[in-house]
Amino acid sequence: MFGFGMPELIVILIIVLVVFGAGRLPEIGAALGKSIRNFKKASDGKEEIEIKAEKKDDPRKEG
């Protein structure tokens, strides 16, 4: 498609590992997946787009 073969993809993966670290790769993959999903929904004409931030438990709030 773009002329990327297996050696080029391996080099790109190594660069990504060095820049972001192995621990952050799942987070980056999840964010990329959500972005692609939202882009597809927007291009299909659906009006509802998911833009929710992850909520963490706040110990200061009592409910």
N, C-alpha and C. Protein backbone atom coordinates (compact mmCIF):
# COMPACT_ATOMS: atom_id res chain seq x y z
N MET A 1 0.82 -1.19 0.00
CA MET A 1 0.00 0.00 0.00
C MET A 1 0.87 1.25 0.00
N PHE A 2 1.71 1.41 1.00
CA PHE A 2 2.60 2.57 1.06
C PHE A 2 4.06 2.15 0.85
N GLY A 3 4.27 0.92 0.49
CA GLY A 3 5.61 0.43 0.30
C GLY A 3 6.29 0.01 1.60
N PHE A 4 5.48 -0.20 2.66
CA PHE A 4 6.04 -0.66 3.92
C PHE A 4 6.11 -2.17 3.90
N GLY A 5 7.30 -2.69 4.13
CA GLY A 5 7.46 -4.13 4.25
C GLY A 5 7.64 -4.48 5.71
N MET A 6 7.93 -5.73 5.96
CA MET A 6 8.11 -6.19 7.34
C MET A 6 9.30 -5.50 8.02
N PRO A 7 10.46 -5.32 7.37
CA PRO A 7 11.57 -4.65 8.06
C PRO A 7 11.24 -3.21 8.46
N GLU A 8 10.52 -2.49 7.62
CA GLU A 8 10.15 -1.11 7.96
C GLU A 8 9.20 -1.07 9.14
N LEU A 9 8.23 -2.00 9.17
CA LEU A 9 7.28 -2.03 10.29
C LEU A 9 7.98 -2.39 11.59
N ILE A 10 8.96 -3.26 11.54
CA ILE A 10 9.71 -3.62 12.75
C ILE A 10 10.50 -2.43 13.26
N VAL A 11 11.11 -1.66 12.36
CA VAL A 11 11.86 -0.47 12.77
C VAL A 11 10.92 0.55 13.41
N ILE A 12 9.73 0.73 12.83
CA ILE A 12 8.75 1.67 13.40
C ILE A 12 8.31 1.21 14.78
N LEU A 13 8.07 -0.09 14.95
CA LEU A 13 7.68 -0.62 16.25
C LEU A 13 8.77 -0.40 17.29
N ILE A 14 10.02 -0.61 16.92
CA ILE A 14 11.14 -0.39 17.85
C ILE A 14 11.22 1.08 18.26
N ILE A 15 11.03 1.97 17.30
CA ILE A 15 11.06 3.41 17.62
C ILE A 15 9.92 3.77 18.57
N VAL A 16 8.73 3.24 18.34
CA VAL A 16 7.58 3.50 19.22
C VAL A 16 7.86 2.96 20.62
N LEU A 17 8.45 1.77 20.71
CA LEU A 17 8.79 1.19 22.02
C LEU A 17 9.78 2.07 22.77
N VAL A 18 10.77 2.60 22.07
CA VAL A 18 11.77 3.45 22.71
C VAL A 18 11.16 4.76 23.18
N VAL A 19 10.30 5.35 22.35
CA VAL A 19 9.73 6.65 22.68
C VAL A 19 8.71 6.54 23.81
N PHE A 20 7.78 5.58 23.72
CA PHE A 20 6.69 5.51 24.68
C PHE A 20 6.91 4.49 25.79
N GLY A 21 7.70 3.48 25.57
CA GLY A 21 7.89 2.43 26.57
C GLY A 21 6.84 1.35 26.42
N ALA A 22 7.18 0.17 26.88
CA ALA A 22 6.29 -0.99 26.71
C ALA A 22 5.03 -0.88 27.56
N GLY A 23 5.10 -0.20 28.68
CA GLY A 23 3.94 -0.09 29.57
C GLY A 23 2.83 0.78 29.02
N ARG A 24 3.16 1.73 28.17
CA ARG A 24 2.15 2.66 27.64
C ARG A 24 1.54 2.18 26.33
N LEU A 25 2.09 1.15 25.71
CA LEU A 25 1.57 0.68 24.42
C LEU A 25 0.10 0.27 24.47
N PRO A 26 -0.37 -0.45 25.50
CA PRO A 26 -1.80 -0.78 25.53
C PRO A 26 -2.70 0.45 25.60
N GLU A 27 -2.27 1.46 26.35
CA GLU A 27 -3.05 2.70 26.44
C GLU A 27 -3.11 3.39 25.08
N ILE A 28 -1.99 3.43 24.40
CA ILE A 28 -1.92 4.07 23.09
C ILE A 28 -2.79 3.31 22.09
N GLY A 29 -2.73 1.99 22.14
CA GLY A 29 -3.55 1.18 21.25
C GLY A 29 -5.04 1.37 21.49
N ALA A 30 -5.42 1.45 22.77
CA ALA A 30 -6.83 1.66 23.09
C ALA A 30 -7.29 3.04 22.62
N ALA A 31 -6.47 4.05 22.83
CA ALA A 31 -6.82 5.39 22.38
C ALA A 31 -6.92 5.46 20.86
N LEU A 32 -6.02 4.78 20.18
CA LEU A 32 -6.06 4.76 18.72
C LEU A 32 -7.31 4.04 18.23
N GLY A 33 -7.67 2.94 18.87
CA GLY A 33 -8.88 2.22 18.51
C GLY A 33 -10.14 3.05 18.70
N LYS A 34 -10.22 3.77 19.82
CA LYS A 34 -11.37 4.63 20.07
C LYS A 34 -11.43 5.76 19.04
N SER A 35 -10.28 6.29 18.69
CA SER A 35 -10.24 7.36 17.69
C SER A 35 -10.74 6.87 16.34
N ILE A 36 -10.29 5.69 15.93
CA ILE A 36 -10.73 5.13 14.64
C ILE A 36 -12.23 4.84 14.69
N ARG A 37 -12.71 4.30 15.80
CA ARG A 37 -14.13 3.99 15.94
C ARG A 37 -14.97 5.27 15.85
N ASN A 38 -14.54 6.32 16.54
CA ASN A 38 -15.26 7.59 16.49
C ASN A 38 -15.21 8.20 15.09
N PHE A 39 -14.09 8.07 14.41
CA PHE A 39 -13.98 8.58 13.05
C PHE A 39 -14.95 7.85 12.12
N LYS A 40 -15.04 6.52 12.26
CA LYS A 40 -15.97 5.75 11.44
C LYS A 40 -17.40 6.15 11.71
N LYS A 41 -17.76 6.34 13.00
CA LYS A 41 -19.12 6.77 13.33
C LYS A 41 -19.42 8.13 12.73
N ALA A 42 -18.46 9.04 12.79
CA ALA A 42 -18.66 10.38 12.25
C ALA A 42 -18.79 10.34 10.74
N SER A 43 -18.02 9.51 10.09
CA SER A 43 -18.08 9.45 8.63
C SER A 43 -19.33 8.73 8.14
N ASP A 44 -19.93 7.88 8.98
CA ASP A 44 -21.18 7.21 8.63
C ASP A 44 -22.39 8.13 8.81
N GLY A 45 -22.19 9.26 9.44
CA GLY A 45 -23.28 10.19 9.64
C GLY A 45 -24.00 10.01 10.96
N LYS A 46 -23.53 9.12 11.80
CA LYS A 46 -24.15 8.97 13.11
C LYS A 46 -23.82 10.19 13.95
N GLU A 47 -24.79 10.63 14.73
CA GLU A 47 -24.60 11.87 15.47
C GLU A 47 -23.98 11.66 16.85
N GLU A 48 -24.03 10.45 17.35
CA GLU A 48 -23.51 10.19 18.69
C GLU A 48 -22.05 9.76 18.61
N ILE A 49 -21.17 10.54 19.24
CA ILE A 49 -19.75 10.25 19.24
C ILE A 49 -19.31 10.12 20.69
N GLU A 50 -18.55 9.09 20.98
CA GLU A 50 -18.08 8.83 22.35
C GLU A 50 -16.88 9.71 22.66
N ILE A 51 -17.07 10.64 23.61
CA ILE A 51 -15.96 11.46 24.08
C ILE A 51 -16.01 11.50 25.60
N LYS A 52 -15.86 10.35 26.20
CA LYS A 52 -15.90 10.24 27.65
C LYS A 52 -14.49 10.04 28.18
N ALA A 53 -14.16 10.77 29.22
CA ALA A 53 -12.89 10.56 29.89
C ALA A 53 -13.07 9.47 30.94
N GLU A 54 -12.00 8.73 31.18
CA GLU A 54 -12.08 7.70 32.21
C GLU A 54 -12.19 8.37 33.57
N LYS A 55 -13.14 7.90 34.36
CA LYS A 55 -13.33 8.47 35.70
C LYS A 55 -12.67 7.56 36.71
N LYS A 56 -11.91 8.17 37.57
CA LYS A 56 -11.26 7.42 38.64
C LYS A 56 -11.98 7.78 39.94
N ASP A 57 -11.99 6.87 40.88
CA ASP A 57 -12.64 7.13 42.16
C ASP A 57 -11.94 8.26 42.89
N ASP A 58 -12.71 9.21 43.29
CA ASP A 58 -12.17 10.35 44.02
C ASP A 58 -12.44 10.14 45.51
N PRO A 59 -11.39 9.94 46.31
CA PRO A 59 -11.59 9.67 47.73
C PRO A 59 -12.18 10.86 48.47
N ARG A 60 -12.10 12.06 47.91
CA ARG A 60 -12.64 13.25 48.58
C ARG A 60 -14.16 13.29 48.49
N LYS A 61 -14.73 12.69 47.46
CA LYS A 61 -16.19 12.71 47.32
C LYS A 61 -16.80 11.64 48.21
N GLU A 62 -17.82 12.02 48.91
CA GLU A 62 -18.54 11.07 49.73
C GLU A 62 -19.96 11.00 49.22
N GLY A 63 -20.44 9.81 48.96
CA GLY A 63 -21.76 9.76 48.37
C GLY A 63 -22.55 8.70 48.92
